[in-house]
Amino acid sequence: MIVGAAAVEIHIHGSQSLKAKRGVVRSIVQRVRNRFNLSVAEVGGQDTWQRAVLGLAAAGGDAIRVRSVLERALEFIEELHLAEVTGSDVEIVHLPYNEGVDLGDDADDDLDARE
């Protein structure tokens, strides 16, 4: 299983309040979720008027596809022109998972022992 994570730092010019900033951030988050089916959240800069850091996450079976969708989402954020992208980073993690192998969910074992 491949998990990809991206962080994008944005600067919202002209924002004079947290309410104004949150409106822009909410718009970006919703558009990215709808277009790319990614998990997106504001993960930094919550208490500043003009700066925000968004975290994006995707999972899949192919590292190239996961990286591609995250990079396309970052380009999309720039093309929206709702905020200036001041930095971004993408990381890909390969998690060991073999189909048909029990992952060892101890919670289910505990339930079975009580019955």
Protein backbone atom coordinates (compact mmCIF):
# COMPACT_ATOMS: atom_id res chain seq x y z
CA MET A 1 0.00 0.00 0.00
CA ILE A 2 1.26 3.46 -0.90
CA VAL A 3 0.37 6.53 1.15
CA GLY A 4 1.14 10.02 -0.11
CA ALA A 5 1.09 13.22 1.85
CA ALA A 6 1.56 16.78 0.68
CA ALA A 7 1.83 20.06 2.53
CA VAL A 8 1.23 23.40 0.86
CA GLU A 9 1.81 26.76 2.50
CA ILE A 10 -0.35 29.60 1.21
CA HIS A 11 -0.46 33.35 1.73
CA ILE A 12 -3.85 35.04 1.39
CA HIS A 13 -3.23 38.62 0.29
CA GLY A 14 -5.70 41.20 1.51
CA SER A 15 -7.17 39.07 4.27
CA GLN A 16 -7.84 41.30 7.28
CA SER A 17 -9.45 38.75 9.61
CA LEU A 18 -9.54 35.08 10.48
CA LYS A 19 -13.08 34.94 9.10
CA ALA A 20 -11.92 36.18 5.68
CA LYS A 21 -8.98 33.77 5.65
CA ARG A 22 -11.14 30.82 6.63
CA GLY A 23 -13.52 31.57 3.77
CA VAL A 24 -10.67 31.33 1.26
CA VAL A 25 -9.23 28.21 2.92
CA ARG A 26 -12.67 26.55 3.01
CA SER A 27 -13.13 27.27 -0.70
CA ILE A 28 -9.73 25.78 -1.60
CA VAL A 29 -10.24 22.72 0.60
CA GLN A 30 -13.70 21.97 -0.82
CA ARG A 31 -12.60 22.41 -4.44
CA VAL A 32 -9.59 20.10 -3.99
CA ARG A 33 -11.70 17.46 -2.22
CA ASN A 34 -14.33 17.54 -4.95
CA ARG A 35 -11.91 17.52 -7.88
CA PHE A 36 -9.31 15.00 -6.67
CA ASN A 37 -11.09 12.97 -3.97
CA LEU A 38 -8.30 13.65 -1.46
CA SER A 39 -8.30 14.17 2.27
CA VAL A 40 -7.54 17.85 2.87
CA ALA A 41 -7.28 19.83 6.09
CA GLU A 42 -5.79 23.04 7.40
CA VAL A 43 -2.85 21.85 9.49
CA GLY A 44 -0.98 25.05 10.27
CA GLY A 45 -1.33 28.80 10.62
CA GLN A 46 -4.82 28.60 12.12
CA ASP A 47 -4.31 31.71 14.26
CA THR A 48 -2.87 33.96 11.53
CA TRP A 49 -4.85 36.21 9.20
CA GLN A 50 -2.96 35.61 5.97
CA ARG A 51 -1.03 32.33 6.26
CA ALA A 52 -2.27 28.74 6.17
CA VAL A 53 -0.76 25.31 5.70
CA LEU A 54 -2.92 22.67 4.05
CA GLY A 55 -2.28 18.95 4.36
CA LEU A 56 -3.37 16.61 1.58
CA ALA A 57 -3.39 12.80 1.73
CA ALA A 58 -3.98 9.98 -0.75
CA ALA A 59 -3.64 6.21 -0.70
CA GLY A 60 -3.31 3.71 -3.50
CA GLY A 61 -1.41 0.80 -4.92
CA ASP A 62 0.89 2.68 -7.30
CA ALA A 63 3.41 5.27 -6.08
CA ILE A 64 3.52 7.06 -9.43
CA ARG A 65 -0.24 7.58 -9.47
CA VAL A 66 -0.38 8.71 -5.84
CA ARG A 67 2.43 11.24 -6.39
CA SER A 68 0.82 12.39 -9.65
CA VAL A 69 -2.57 13.14 -8.10
CA LEU A 70 -0.96 15.07 -5.24
CA GLU A 71 1.20 17.11 -7.62
CA ARG A 72 -1.82 17.85 -9.85
CA ALA A 73 -3.74 18.99 -6.75
CA LEU A 74 -0.89 21.35 -5.81
CA GLU A 75 -0.89 22.81 -9.34
CA PHE A 76 -4.67 23.20 -9.14
CA ILE A 77 -4.35 25.19 -5.89
CA GLU A 78 -1.91 27.55 -7.61
CA GLU A 79 -4.16 27.91 -10.67
CA LEU A 80 -7.14 28.92 -8.50
CA HIS A 81 -5.38 32.23 -7.75
CA LEU A 82 -7.24 32.50 -4.44
CA ALA A 83 -3.94 32.56 -2.54
CA GLU A 84 -0.23 32.63 -3.29
CA VAL A 85 1.53 29.28 -2.83
CA THR A 86 4.72 30.02 -0.91
CA GLY A 87 5.93 26.44 -0.51
CA SER A 88 4.98 22.81 -0.96
CA ASP A 89 6.31 19.31 -0.38
CA VAL A 90 5.20 15.79 -1.33
CA GLU A 91 6.21 12.60 0.47
CA ILE A 92 5.42 9.01 -0.50
CA VAL A 93 5.45 6.18 2.06
CA HIS A 94 5.44 2.48 1.18
CA LEU A 95 3.59 0.55 3.87
CA PRO A 96 4.14 -3.20 4.05
CA TYR A 97 0.92 -4.92 3.13
CA ASN A 98 0.53 -8.30 1.47
CA GLU A 99 -2.91 -9.33 0.34
CA GLY A 100 -4.27 -12.28 2.26
CA VAL A 101 -2.06 -11.68 5.29
CA ASP A 102 -3.81 -11.06 8.61
CA LEU A 103 -2.80 -7.63 9.90
CA GLY A 104 -3.25 -8.84 13.48
CA ASP A 105 -6.13 -6.69 14.71
CA ASP A 106 -5.92 -7.42 18.42
CA ALA A 107 -9.24 -5.65 19.10
CA ASP A 108 -11.16 -8.35 17.22
CA ASP A 109 -9.27 -11.09 19.09
CA ASP A 110 -10.28 -9.53 22.41
CA LEU A 111 -13.95 -9.50 21.39
CA ASP A 112 -13.83 -13.14 20.29
CA ALA A 113 -12.27 -14.20 23.62
CA ARG A 114 -15.13 -12.59 25.60
CA GLU A 115 -17.92 -14.33 23.66
